[in-house]
Amino acid sequence: LFMYLRPTSSYSMEQDKIVSVVYTVVIPMLNPLIYSLK
């Protein structure tokens, strides 16, 4: 929701690159941990 449901005029590439790391790299790692630990 933070990344894509915003007007294009409000995009900041440097900020979005950092946020992109969360769902491209971090979230796929977290899901099996979440489901195994919980």
Full PDB file with SEQRES, HELIX, SHEET, SSBOND, CRYST1, ORIGX, SCALE, CONECT and MASTER records, all heavy atoms in Angstrom:
SEQRES   1 A   38  LEU PHE MET TYR LEU ARG PRO THR SER SER TYR SER MET          
SEQRES   2 A   38  GLU GLN ASP LYS ILE VAL SER VAL VAL TYR THR VAL VAL          
SEQRES   3 A   38  ILE PRO MET LEU ASN PRO LEU ILE TYR SER LEU LYS              
HELIX    1 AA1 THR A    8  SER A   10  5                                   3    
HELIX    2 AA2 MET A   13  VAL A   21  1                                   9    
HELIX    3 AA3 VAL A   22  VAL A   26  3                                   5    
HELIX    4 AA4 ILE A   27  LEU A   37  1                                  11    
CRYST1    1.000    1.000    1.000  90.00  90.00  90.00 P 1           1          
ORIGX1      1.000000  0.000000  0.000000        0.00000                         
ORIGX2      0.000000  1.000000  0.000000        0.00000                         
ORIGX3      0.000000  0.000000  1.000000        0.00000                         
SCALE1      1.000000  0.000000  0.000000        0.00000                         
SCALE2      0.000000  1.000000  0.000000        0.00000                         
SCALE3      0.000000  0.000000  1.000000        0.00000                         
ATOM      1  N   LEU A   1       0.830  -1.203   0.000  1.00  0.00           N  
ATOM      2  CA  LEU A   1       0.000   0.000   0.000  1.00  0.00           C  
ATOM      3  C   LEU A   1       0.862   1.251   0.000  1.00  0.00           C  
ATOM      4  O   LEU A   1       0.556   2.242  -0.671  1.00  0.00           O  
ATOM      5  CB  LEU A   1      -0.941  -0.007   1.216  1.00  0.00           C  
ATOM      6  CG  LEU A   1      -2.069  -1.047   1.173  1.00  0.00           C  
ATOM      7  CD1 LEU A   1      -2.786  -1.100   2.521  1.00  0.00           C  
ATOM      8  CD2 LEU A   1      -3.061  -0.732   0.071  1.00  0.00           C  
ATOM      9  N   PHE A   2       1.963   1.222   0.749  1.00  0.00           N  
ATOM     10  CA  PHE A   2       2.853   2.378   0.783  1.00  0.00           C  
ATOM     11  C   PHE A   2       3.523   2.610  -0.567  1.00  0.00           C  
ATOM     12  O   PHE A   2       3.684   3.751  -1.020  1.00  0.00           O  
ATOM     13  CB  PHE A   2       3.935   2.175   1.850  1.00  0.00           C  
ATOM     14  CG  PHE A   2       4.956   3.287   1.896  1.00  0.00           C  
ATOM     15  CD1 PHE A   2       4.671   4.473   2.554  1.00  0.00           C  
ATOM     16  CD2 PHE A   2       6.183   3.146   1.270  1.00  0.00           C  
ATOM     17  CE1 PHE A   2       5.606   5.505   2.590  1.00  0.00           C  
ATOM     18  CE2 PHE A   2       7.121   4.163   1.298  1.00  0.00           C  
ATOM     19  CZ  PHE A   2       6.834   5.344   1.960  1.00  0.00           C  
ATOM     20  N   MET A   3       3.897   1.506  -1.248  1.00  0.00           N  
ATOM     21  CA  MET A   3       4.661   1.629  -2.479  1.00  0.00           C  
ATOM     22  C   MET A   3       3.827   2.065  -3.674  1.00  0.00           C  
ATOM     23  O   MET A   3       4.215   2.958  -4.424  1.00  0.00           O  
ATOM     24  CB  MET A   3       5.324   0.283  -2.812  1.00  0.00           C  
ATOM     25  CG  MET A   3       6.605   0.026  -2.069  1.00  0.00           C  
ATOM     26  SD  MET A   3       7.916   1.195  -2.493  1.00  0.00           S  
ATOM     27  CE  MET A   3       8.117   0.869  -4.240  1.00  0.00           C  
ATOM     28  N   TYR A   4       2.654   1.454  -3.865  1.00  0.00           N  
ATOM     29  CA  TYR A   4       1.982   1.578  -5.153  1.00  0.00           C  
ATOM     30  C   TYR A   4       0.691   2.391  -5.150  1.00  0.00           C  
ATOM     31  O   TYR A   4       0.319   2.929  -6.182  1.00  0.00           O  
ATOM     32  CB  TYR A   4       1.693   0.181  -5.722  1.00  0.00           C  
ATOM     33  CG  TYR A   4       2.955  -0.525  -6.137  1.00  0.00           C  
ATOM     34  CD1 TYR A   4       3.439  -1.609  -5.412  1.00  0.00           C  
ATOM     35  CD2 TYR A   4       3.688  -0.108  -7.232  1.00  0.00           C  
ATOM     36  CE1 TYR A   4       4.612  -2.261  -5.778  1.00  0.00           C  
ATOM     37  CE2 TYR A   4       4.851  -0.745  -7.614  1.00  0.00           C  
ATOM     38  CZ  TYR A   4       5.302  -1.817  -6.878  1.00  0.00           C  
ATOM     39  OH  TYR A   4       6.463  -2.449  -7.237  1.00  0.00           O  
ATOM     40  N   LEU A   5       0.004   2.479  -4.047  1.00  0.00           N  
ATOM     41  CA  LEU A   5      -1.254   3.221  -4.056  1.00  0.00           C  
ATOM     42  C   LEU A   5      -1.026   4.673  -3.643  1.00  0.00           C  
ATOM     43  O   LEU A   5      -1.597   5.176  -2.688  1.00  0.00           O  
ATOM     44  CB  LEU A   5      -2.284   2.529  -3.153  1.00  0.00           C  
ATOM     45  CG  LEU A   5      -2.720   1.141  -3.613  1.00  0.00           C  
ATOM     46  CD1 LEU A   5      -3.902   0.654  -2.795  1.00  0.00           C  
ATOM     47  CD2 LEU A   5      -3.089   1.138  -5.093  1.00  0.00           C  
ATOM     48  N   ARG A   6      -0.167   5.333  -4.384  1.00  0.00           N  
ATOM     49  CA  ARG A   6       0.110   6.746  -4.178  1.00  0.00           C  
ATOM     50  C   ARG A   6       0.140   7.436  -5.533  1.00  0.00           C  
ATOM     51  O   ARG A   6       0.425   6.801  -6.548  1.00  0.00           O  
ATOM     52  CB  ARG A   6       1.474   6.949  -3.509  1.00  0.00           C  
ATOM     53  CG  ARG A   6       1.584   6.427  -2.104  1.00  0.00           C  
ATOM     54  CD  ARG A   6       2.989   6.665  -1.591  1.00  0.00           C  
ATOM     55  NE  ARG A   6       3.975   5.853  -2.288  1.00  0.00           N  
ATOM     56  CZ  ARG A   6       5.276   6.140  -2.341  1.00  0.00           C  
ATOM     57  NH1 ARG A   6       5.730   7.230  -1.766  1.00  0.00           N  
ATOM     58  NH2 ARG A   6       6.105   5.344  -2.974  1.00  0.00           N  
ATOM     59  N   PRO A   7      -0.128   8.743  -5.571  1.00  0.00           N  
ATOM     60  CA  PRO A   7       0.025   9.474  -6.830  1.00  0.00           C  
ATOM     61  C   PRO A   7       1.481   9.417  -7.286  1.00  0.00           C  
ATOM     62  O   PRO A   7       2.401   9.444  -6.465  1.00  0.00           O  
ATOM     63  CB  PRO A   7      -0.376  10.914  -6.464  1.00  0.00           C  
ATOM     64  CG  PRO A   7      -1.190  10.775  -5.219  1.00  0.00           C  
ATOM     65  CD  PRO A   7      -0.657   9.589  -4.487  1.00  0.00           C  
ATOM     66  N   THR A   8       1.705   9.315  -8.595  1.00  0.00           N  
ATOM     67  CA  THR A   8       3.069   9.210  -9.109  1.00  0.00           C  
ATOM     68  C   THR A   8       3.913  10.433  -8.757  1.00  0.00           C  
ATOM     69  O   THR A   8       5.137  10.339  -8.674  1.00  0.00           O  
ATOM     70  CB  THR A   8       3.050   9.036 -10.638  1.00  0.00           C  
ATOM     71  OG1 THR A   8       2.278  10.107 -11.223  1.00  0.00           O  
ATOM     72  CG2 THR A   8       2.423   7.706 -11.020  1.00  0.00           C  
ATOM     73  N   SER A   9       3.270  11.576  -8.527  1.00  0.00           N  
ATOM     74  CA  SER A   9       4.012  12.799  -8.197  1.00  0.00           C  
ATOM     75  C   SER A   9       4.684  12.717  -6.832  1.00  0.00           C  
ATOM     76  O   SER A   9       5.612  13.466  -6.540  1.00  0.00           O  
ATOM     77  CB  SER A   9       3.072  14.010  -8.223  1.00  0.00           C  
ATOM     78  OG  SER A   9       2.005  13.831  -7.307  1.00  0.00           O  
ATOM     79  N   SER A  10       4.224  11.796  -5.969  1.00  0.00           N  
ATOM     80  CA  SER A  10       4.772  11.707  -4.619  1.00  0.00           C  
ATOM     81  C   SER A  10       5.887  10.675  -4.494  1.00  0.00           C  
ATOM     82  O   SER A  10       6.410  10.454  -3.411  1.00  0.00           O  
ATOM     83  CB  SER A  10       3.655  11.355  -3.623  1.00  0.00           C  
ATOM     84  OG  SER A  10       3.177  10.033  -3.843  1.00  0.00           O  
ATOM     85  N   TYR A  11       6.288  10.051  -5.621  1.00  0.00           N  
ATOM     86  CA  TYR A  11       7.319   9.024  -5.549  1.00  0.00           C  
ATOM     87  C   TYR A  11       8.688   9.638  -5.293  1.00  0.00           C  
ATOM     88  O   TYR A  11       9.069  10.642  -5.893  1.00  0.00           O  
ATOM     89  CB  TYR A  11       7.370   8.216  -6.851  1.00  0.00           C  
ATOM     90  CG  TYR A  11       6.339   7.129  -6.938  1.00  0.00           C  
ATOM     91  CD1 TYR A  11       5.227   7.266  -7.769  1.00  0.00           C  
ATOM     92  CD2 TYR A  11       6.462   5.968  -6.188  1.00  0.00           C  
ATOM     93  CE1 TYR A  11       4.272   6.267  -7.854  1.00  0.00           C  
ATOM     94  CE2 TYR A  11       5.508   4.965  -6.263  1.00  0.00           C  
ATOM     95  CZ  TYR A  11       4.425   5.126  -7.095  1.00  0.00           C  
ATOM     96  OH  TYR A  11       3.472   4.139  -7.159  1.00  0.00           O  
ATOM     97  N   SER A  12       9.427   9.023  -4.403  1.00  0.00           N  
ATOM     98  CA  SER A  12      10.825   9.356  -4.168  1.00  0.00           C  
ATOM     99  C   SER A  12      11.617   8.089  -4.424  1.00  0.00           C  
ATOM    100  O   SER A  12      11.487   7.112  -3.687  1.00  0.00           O  
ATOM    101  CB  SER A  12      11.036   9.838  -2.728  1.00  0.00           C  
ATOM    102  OG  SER A  12      12.413   9.866  -2.420  1.00  0.00           O  
ATOM    103  N   MET A  13      12.439   8.083  -5.464  1.00  0.00           N  
ATOM    104  CA  MET A  13      13.125   6.865  -5.872  1.00  0.00           C  
ATOM    105  C   MET A  13      14.037   6.318  -4.781  1.00  0.00           C  
ATOM    106  O   MET A  13      14.084   5.108  -4.544  1.00  0.00           O  
ATOM    107  CB  MET A  13      13.941   7.121  -7.137  1.00  0.00           C  
ATOM    108  CG  MET A  13      13.111   7.081  -8.389  1.00  0.00           C  
ATOM    109  SD  MET A  13      12.361   5.466  -8.638  1.00  0.00           S  
ATOM    110  CE  MET A  13      10.769   5.959  -9.237  1.00  0.00           C  
ATOM    111  N   GLU A  14      14.775   7.192  -4.124  1.00  0.00           N  
ATOM    112  CA  GLU A  14      15.711   6.723  -3.103  1.00  0.00           C  
ATOM    113  C   GLU A  14      14.963   6.085  -1.935  1.00  0.00           C  
ATOM    114  O   GLU A  14      15.385   5.054  -1.400  1.00  0.00           O  
ATOM    115  CB  GLU A  14      16.581   7.894  -2.605  1.00  0.00           C  
ATOM    116  CG  GLU A  14      17.451   8.520  -3.684  1.00  0.00           C  
ATOM    117  CD  GLU A  14      18.301   7.493  -4.425  1.00  0.00           C  
ATOM    118  OE1 GLU A  14      18.900   6.622  -3.757  1.00  0.00           O  
ATOM    119  OE2 GLU A  14      18.356   7.553  -5.667  1.00  0.00           O  
ATOM    120  N   GLN A  15      13.857   6.694  -1.529  1.00  0.00           N  
ATOM    121  CA  GLN A  15      13.055   6.136  -0.446  1.00  0.00           C  
ATOM    122  C   GLN A  15      12.395   4.837  -0.876  1.00  0.00           C  
ATOM    123  O   GLN A  15      12.380   3.847  -0.127  1.00  0.00           O  
ATOM    124  CB  GLN A  15      11.988   7.151  -0.023  1.00  0.00           C  
ATOM    125  CG  GLN A  15      11.122   6.698   1.155  1.00  0.00           C  
ATOM    126  CD  GLN A  15      10.004   7.679   1.440  1.00  0.00           C  
ATOM    127  OE1 GLN A  15       9.229   8.037   0.553  1.00  0.00           O  
ATOM    128  NE2 GLN A  15       9.920   8.135   2.681  1.00  0.00           N  
ATOM    129  N   ASP A  16      11.872   4.800  -2.090  1.00  0.00           N  
ATOM    130  CA  ASP A  16      11.166   3.618  -2.575  1.00  0.00           C  
ATOM    131  C   ASP A  16      12.102   2.434  -2.769  1.00  0.00           C  
ATOM    132  O   ASP A  16      11.687   1.281  -2.609  1.00  0.00           O  
ATOM    133  CB  ASP A  16      10.445   3.937  -3.886  1.00  0.00           C  
ATOM    134  CG  ASP A  16       9.235   4.826  -3.669  1.00  0.00           C  
ATOM    135  OD1 ASP A  16       8.910   5.090  -2.505  1.00  0.00           O  
ATOM    136  OD2 ASP A  16       8.624   5.255  -4.666  1.00  0.00           O  
ATOM    137  N   LYS A  17      13.365   2.692  -3.128  1.00  0.00           N  
ATOM    138  CA  LYS A  17      14.310   1.594  -3.284  1.00  0.00           C  
ATOM    139  C   LYS A  17      14.532   0.880  -1.955  1.00  0.00           C  
ATOM    140  O   LYS A  17      14.624  -0.351  -1.920  1.00  0.00           O  
ATOM    141  CB  LYS A  17      15.638   2.105  -3.853  1.00  0.00           C  
ATOM    142  CG  LYS A  17      15.592   2.390  -5.334  1.00  0.00           C  
ATOM    143  CD  LYS A  17      16.977   2.598  -5.918  1.00  0.00           C  
ATOM    144  CE  LYS A  17      17.587   3.925  -5.524  1.00  0.00           C  
ATOM    145  NZ  LYS A  17      18.875   4.165  -6.215  1.00  0.00           N  
ATOM    146  N   ILE A  18      14.604   1.644  -0.877  1.00  0.00           N  
ATOM    147  CA  ILE A  18      14.797   1.032   0.447  1.00  0.00           C  
ATOM    148  C   ILE A  18      13.574   0.212   0.827  1.00  0.00           C  
ATOM    149  O   ILE A  18      13.684  -0.917   1.309  1.00  0.00           O  
ATOM    150  CB  ILE A  18      15.057   2.124   1.501  1.00  0.00           C  
ATOM    151  CG1 ILE A  18      16.288   2.964   1.123  1.00  0.00           C  
ATOM    152  CG2 ILE A  18      15.259   1.480   2.874  1.00  0.00           C  
ATOM    153  CD1 ILE A  18      17.560   2.183   0.992  1.00  0.00           C  
ATOM    154  N   VAL A  19      12.379   0.775   0.591  1.00  0.00           N  
ATOM    155  CA  VAL A  19      11.145   0.052   0.917  1.00  0.00           C  
ATOM    156  C   VAL A  19      11.004  -1.194   0.039  1.00  0.00           C  
ATOM    157  O   VAL A  19      10.515  -2.232   0.492  1.00  0.00           O  
ATOM    158  CB  VAL A  19       9.921   0.978   0.748  1.00  0.00           C  
ATOM    159  CG1 VAL A  19       8.633   0.221   1.046  1.00  0.00           C  
ATOM    160  CG2 VAL A  19      10.031   2.184   1.680  1.00  0.00           C  
ATOM    161  N   SER A  20      11.460  -1.096  -1.213  1.00  0.00           N  
ATOM    162  CA  SER A  20      11.369  -2.241  -2.122  1.00  0.00           C  
ATOM    163  C   SER A  20      12.152  -3.439  -1.601  1.00  0.00           C  
ATOM    164  O   SER A  20      11.772  -4.592  -1.842  1.00  0.00           O  
ATOM    165  CB  SER A  20      11.890  -1.862  -3.510  1.00  0.00           C  
ATOM    166  OG  SER A  20      11.080  -0.885  -4.105  1.00  0.00           O  
ATOM    167  N   VAL A  21      13.248  -3.171  -0.896  1.00  0.00           N  
ATOM    168  CA  VAL A  21      14.048  -4.261  -0.337  1.00  0.00           C  
ATOM    169  C   VAL A  21      13.207  -5.094   0.622  1.00  0.00           C  
ATOM    170  O   VAL A  21      13.361  -6.313   0.704  1.00  0.00           O  
ATOM    171  CB  VAL A  21      15.294  -3.703   0.389  1.00  0.00           C  
ATOM    172  CG1 VAL A  21      16.031  -4.806   1.146  1.00  0.00           C  
ATOM    173  CG2 VAL A  21      16.232  -3.053  -0.613  1.00  0.00           C  
ATOM    174  N   VAL A  22      12.267  -4.432   1.336  1.00  0.00           N  
ATOM    175  CA  VAL A  22      11.458  -5.138   2.326  1.00  0.00           C  
ATOM    176  C   VAL A  22      10.631  -6.226   1.666  1.00  0.00           C  
ATOM    177  O   VAL A  22      10.624  -7.387   2.104  1.00  0.00           O  
ATOM    178  CB  VAL A  22      10.549  -4.152   3.090  1.00  0.00           C  
ATOM    179  CG1 VAL A  22       9.630  -4.905   4.041  1.00  0.00           C  
ATOM    180  CG2 VAL A  22      11.385  -3.137   3.851  1.00  0.00           C  
ATOM    181  N   TYR A  23       9.911  -5.890   0.574  1.00  0.00           N  
ATOM    182  CA  TYR A  23       9.016  -6.900   0.011  1.00  0.00           C  
ATOM    183  C   TYR A  23       9.647  -7.746  -1.085  1.00  0.00           C  
ATOM    184  O   TYR A  23       9.110  -8.797  -1.446  1.00  0.00           O  
ATOM    185  CB  TYR A  23       7.698  -6.289  -0.476  1.00  0.00           C  
ATOM    186  CG  TYR A  23       7.763  -5.374  -1.662  1.00  0.00           C  
ATOM    187  CD1 TYR A  23       7.727  -5.873  -2.951  1.00  0.00           C  
ATOM    188  CD2 TYR A  23       7.811  -4.001  -1.496  1.00  0.00           C  
ATOM    189  CE1 TYR A  23       7.767  -5.037  -4.047  1.00  0.00           C  
ATOM    190  CE2 TYR A  23       7.845  -3.153  -2.588  1.00  0.00           C  
ATOM    191  CZ  TYR A  23       7.825  -3.680  -3.861  1.00  0.00           C  
ATOM    192  OH  TYR A  23       7.863  -2.832  -4.942  1.00  0.00           O  
ATOM    193  N   THR A  24      10.815  -7.335  -1.621  1.00  0.00           N  
ATOM    194  CA  THR A  24      11.478  -8.182  -2.607  1.00  0.00           C  
ATOM    195  C   THR A  24      12.466  -9.153  -1.972  1.00  0.00           C  
ATOM    196  O   THR A  24      12.687 -10.250  -2.493  1.00  0.00           O  
ATOM    197  CB  THR A  24      12.235  -7.339  -3.644  1.00  0.00           C  
ATOM    198  OG1 THR A  24      13.186  -6.503  -2.967  1.00  0.00           O  
ATOM    199  CG2 THR A  24      11.288  -6.474  -4.451  1.00  0.00           C  
ATOM    200  N   VAL A  25      13.068  -8.758  -0.856  1.00  0.00           N  
ATOM    201  CA  VAL A  25      14.133  -9.552  -0.242  1.00  0.00           C  
ATOM    202  C   VAL A  25      13.759 -10.072   1.141  1.00  0.00           C  
ATOM    203  O   VAL A  25      13.946 -11.250   1.449  1.00  0.00           O  
ATOM    204  CB  VAL A  25      15.442  -8.727  -0.157  1.00  0.00           C  
ATOM    205  CG1 VAL A  25      16.560  -9.553   0.473  1.00  0.00           C  
ATOM    206  CG2 VAL A  25      15.864  -8.231  -1.534  1.00  0.00           C  
ATOM    207  N   VAL A  26      13.199  -9.186   1.979  1.00  0.00           N  
ATOM    208  CA  VAL A  26      12.996  -9.530   3.393  1.00  0.00           C  
ATOM    209  C   VAL A  26      11.723 -10.349   3.617  1.00  0.00           C  
ATOM    210  O   VAL A  26      11.754 -11.381   4.303  1.00  0.00           O  
ATOM    211  CB  VAL A  26      12.969  -8.250   4.262  1.00  0.00           C  
ATOM    212  CG1 VAL A  26      12.718  -8.610   5.725  1.00  0.00           C  
ATOM    213  CG2 VAL A  26      14.281  -7.494   4.126  1.00  0.00           C  
ATOM    214  N   ILE A  27      10.578  -9.914   3.064  1.00  0.00           N  
ATOM    215  CA  ILE A  27       9.306 -10.601   3.317  1.00  0.00           C  
ATOM    216  C   ILE A  27       9.331 -12.068   2.883  1.00  0.00           C  
ATOM    217  O   ILE A  27       8.855 -12.935   3.631  1.00  0.00           O  
ATOM    218  CB  ILE A  27       8.135  -9.848   2.646  1.00  0.00           C  
ATOM    219  CG1 ILE A  27       7.852  -8.551   3.401  1.00  0.00           C  
ATOM    220  CG2 ILE A  27       6.873 -10.713   2.623  1.00  0.00           C  
ATOM    221  CD1 ILE A  27       6.730  -7.712   2.819  1.00  0.00           C  
ATOM    222  N   PRO A  28       9.893 -12.413   1.704  1.00  0.00           N  
ATOM    223  CA  PRO A  28       9.945 -13.838   1.357  1.00  0.00           C  
ATOM    224  C   PRO A  28      10.728 -14.682   2.356  1.00  0.00           C  
ATOM    225  O   PRO A  28      10.477 -15.872   2.499  1.00  0.00           O  
ATOM    226  CB  PRO A  28      10.643 -13.833  -0.009  1.00  0.00           C  
ATOM    227  CG  PRO A  28      10.344 -12.494  -0.582  1.00  0.00           C  
ATOM    228  CD  PRO A  28      10.351 -11.562   0.595  1.00  0.00           C  
ATOM    229  N   MET A  29      11.698 -14.060   3.054  1.00  0.00           N  
ATOM    230  CA  MET A  29      12.437 -14.778   4.089  1.00  0.00           C  
ATOM    231  C   MET A  29      11.624 -14.889   5.372  1.00  0.00           C  
ATOM    232  O   MET A  29      11.684 -15.903   6.087  1.00  0.00           O  
ATOM    233  CB  MET A  29      13.759 -14.066   4.386  1.00  0.00           C  
ATOM    234  CG  MET A  29      14.581 -14.704   5.494  1.00  0.00           C  
ATOM    235  SD  MET A  29      15.922 -13.664   6.106  1.00  0.00           S  
ATOM    236  CE  MET A  29      15.002 -12.344   6.919  1.00  0.00           C  
ATOM    237  N   LEU A  30      10.835 -13.858   5.682  1.00  0.00           N  
ATOM    238  CA  LEU A  30      10.101 -13.812   6.950  1.00  0.00           C  
ATOM    239  C   LEU A  30       8.925 -14.773   6.999  1.00  0.00           C  
ATOM    240  O   LEU A  30       8.628 -15.334   8.060  1.00  0.00           O  
ATOM    241  CB  LEU A  30       9.601 -12.389   7.212  1.00  0.00           C  
ATOM    242  CG  LEU A  30      10.638 -11.338   7.597  1.00  0.00           C  
ATOM    243  CD1 LEU A  30       9.960  -9.991   7.817  1.00  0.00           C  
ATOM    244  CD2 LEU A  30      11.402 -11.754   8.848  1.00  0.00           C  
ATOM    245  N   ASN A  31       8.233 -14.963   5.868  1.00  0.00           N  
ATOM    246  CA  ASN A  31       7.011 -15.778   5.890  1.00  0.00           C  
ATOM    247  C   ASN A  31       7.208 -17.188   6.438  1.00  0.00           C  
ATOM    248  O   ASN A  31       6.445 -17.626   7.300  1.00  0.00           O  
ATOM    249  CB  ASN A  31       6.377 -15.815   4.499  1.00  0.00           C  
ATOM    250  CG  ASN A  31       5.556 -14.564   4.213  1.00  0.00           C  
ATOM    251  OD1 ASN A  31       5.184 -13.828   5.132  1.00  0.00           O  
ATOM    252  ND2 ASN A  31       5.256 -14.324   2.961  1.00  0.00           N  
ATOM    253  N   PRO A  32       8.215 -17.953   5.974  1.00  0.00           N  
ATOM    254  CA  PRO A  32       8.392 -19.280   6.582  1.00  0.00           C  
ATOM    255  C   PRO A  32       8.761 -19.217   8.055  1.00  0.00           C  
ATOM    256  O   PRO A  32       8.379 -20.107   8.829  1.00  0.00           O  
ATOM    257  CB  PRO A  32       9.521 -19.917   5.743  1.00  0.00           C  
ATOM    258  CG  PRO A  32      10.181 -18.800   5.032  1.00  0.00           C  
ATOM    259  CD  PRO A  32       9.132 -17.754   4.843  1.00  0.00           C  
ATOM    260  N   LEU A  33       9.479 -18.171   8.462  1.00  0.00           N  
ATOM    261  CA  LEU A  33       9.804 -18.006   9.886  1.00  0.00           C  
ATOM    262  C   LEU A  33       8.545 -17.737  10.694  1.00  0.00           C  
ATOM    263  O   LEU A  33       8.349 -18.310  11.775  1.00  0.00           O  
ATOM    264  CB  LEU A  33      10.806 -16.860  10.073  1.00  0.00           C  
ATOM    265  CG  LEU A  33      12.230 -17.094   9.584  1.00  0.00           C  
ATOM    266  CD1 LEU A  33      13.052 -15.826   9.734  1.00  0.00           C  
ATOM    267  CD2 LEU A  33      12.881 -18.240  10.349  1.00  0.00           C  
ATOM    268  N   ILE A  34       7.693 -16.871  10.168  1.00  0.00           N  
ATOM    269  CA  ILE A  34       6.447 -16.538  10.872  1.00  0.00           C  
ATOM    270  C   ILE A  34       5.578 -17.772  11.044  1.00  0.00           C  
ATOM    271  O   ILE A  34       5.072 -18.050  12.136  1.00  0.00           O  
ATOM    272  CB  ILE A  34       5.674 -15.439  10.102  1.00  0.00           C  
ATOM    273  CG1 ILE A  34       6.425 -14.107  10.163  1.00  0.00           C  
ATOM    274  CG2 ILE A  34       4.263 -15.281  10.658  1.00  0.00           C  
ATOM    275  CD1 ILE A  34       5.851 -13.037   9.255  1.00  0.00           C  
ATOM    276  N   TYR A  35       5.434 -18.544   9.970  1.00  0.00           N  
ATOM    277  CA  TYR A  35       4.547 -19.710  10.025  1.00  0.00           C  
ATOM    278  C   TYR A  35       5.151 -20.874  10.798  1.00  0.00           C  
ATOM    279  O   TYR A  35       4.430 -21.725  11.308  1.00  0.00           O  
ATOM    280  CB  TYR A  35       4.171 -20.151   8.609  1.00  0.00           C  
ATOM    281  CG  TYR A  35       3.055 -19.328   8.025  1.00  0.00           C  
ATOM    282  CD1 TYR A  35       3.319 -18.263   7.175  1.00  0.00           C  
ATOM    283  CD2 TYR A  35       1.732 -19.583   8.347  1.00  0.00           C  
ATOM    284  CE1 TYR A  35       2.304 -17.486   6.642  1.00  0.00           C  
ATOM    285  CE2 TYR A  35       0.703 -18.812   7.826  1.00  0.00           C  
ATOM    286  CZ  TYR A  35       0.993 -17.770   6.975  1.00  0.00           C  
ATOM    287  OH  TYR A  35      -0.030 -16.993   6.463  1.00  0.00           O  
ATOM    288  N   SER A  36       6.477 -20.929  10.898  1.00  0.00           N  
ATOM    289  CA  SER A  36       7.088 -22.017  11.659  1.00  0.00           C  
ATOM    290  C   SER A  36       7.152 -21.697  13.148  1.00  0.00           C  
ATOM    291  O   SER A  36       6.946 -22.574  13.995  1.00  0.00           O  
ATOM    292  CB  SER A  36       8.491 -22.320  11.128  1.00  0.00           C  
ATOM    293  OG  SER A  36       9.329 -21.183  11.220  1.00  0.00           O  
ATOM    294  N   LEU A  37       7.405 -20.425  13.481  1.00  0.00           N  
ATOM    295  CA  LEU A  37       7.521 -20.046  14.886  1.00  0.00           C  
ATOM    296  C   LEU A  37       6.162 -19.888  15.564  1.00  0.00           C  
ATOM    297  O   LEU A  37       6.037 -20.092  16.774  1.00  0.00           O  
ATOM    298  CB  LEU A  37       8.314 -18.736  15.014  1.00  0.00           C  
ATOM    299  CG  LEU A  37       9.780 -18.790  14.583  1.00  0.00           C  
ATOM    300  CD1 LEU A  37      10.403 -17.402  14.656  1.00  0.00           C  
ATOM    301  CD2 LEU A  37      10.571 -19.773  15.444  1.00  0.00           C  
ATOM    302  N   LYS A  38       5.149 -19.524  14.797  1.00  0.00           N  
ATOM    303  CA  LYS A  38       3.827 -19.265  15.364  1.00  0.00           C  
ATOM    304  C   LYS A  38       2.858 -20.434  15.199  1.00  0.00           C  
ATOM    305  O   LYS A  38       1.735 -20.371  15.698  1.00  0.00           O  
ATOM    306  CB  LYS A  38       3.212 -18.027  14.694  1.00  0.00           C  
ATOM    307  CG  LYS A  38       3.884 -16.712  15.054  1.00  0.00           C  
ATOM    308  CD  LYS A  38       3.440 -16.238  16.421  1.00  0.00           C  
ATOM    309  CE  LYS A  38       3.993 -14.855  16.724  1.00  0.00           C  
ATOM    310  NZ  LYS A  38       3.566 -14.405  18.067  1.00  0.00           N  
TER     311      LYS A  38                                                      
MASTER        0    0    0    4    0    0    0    6  310    1    0    3          
END                                                                             
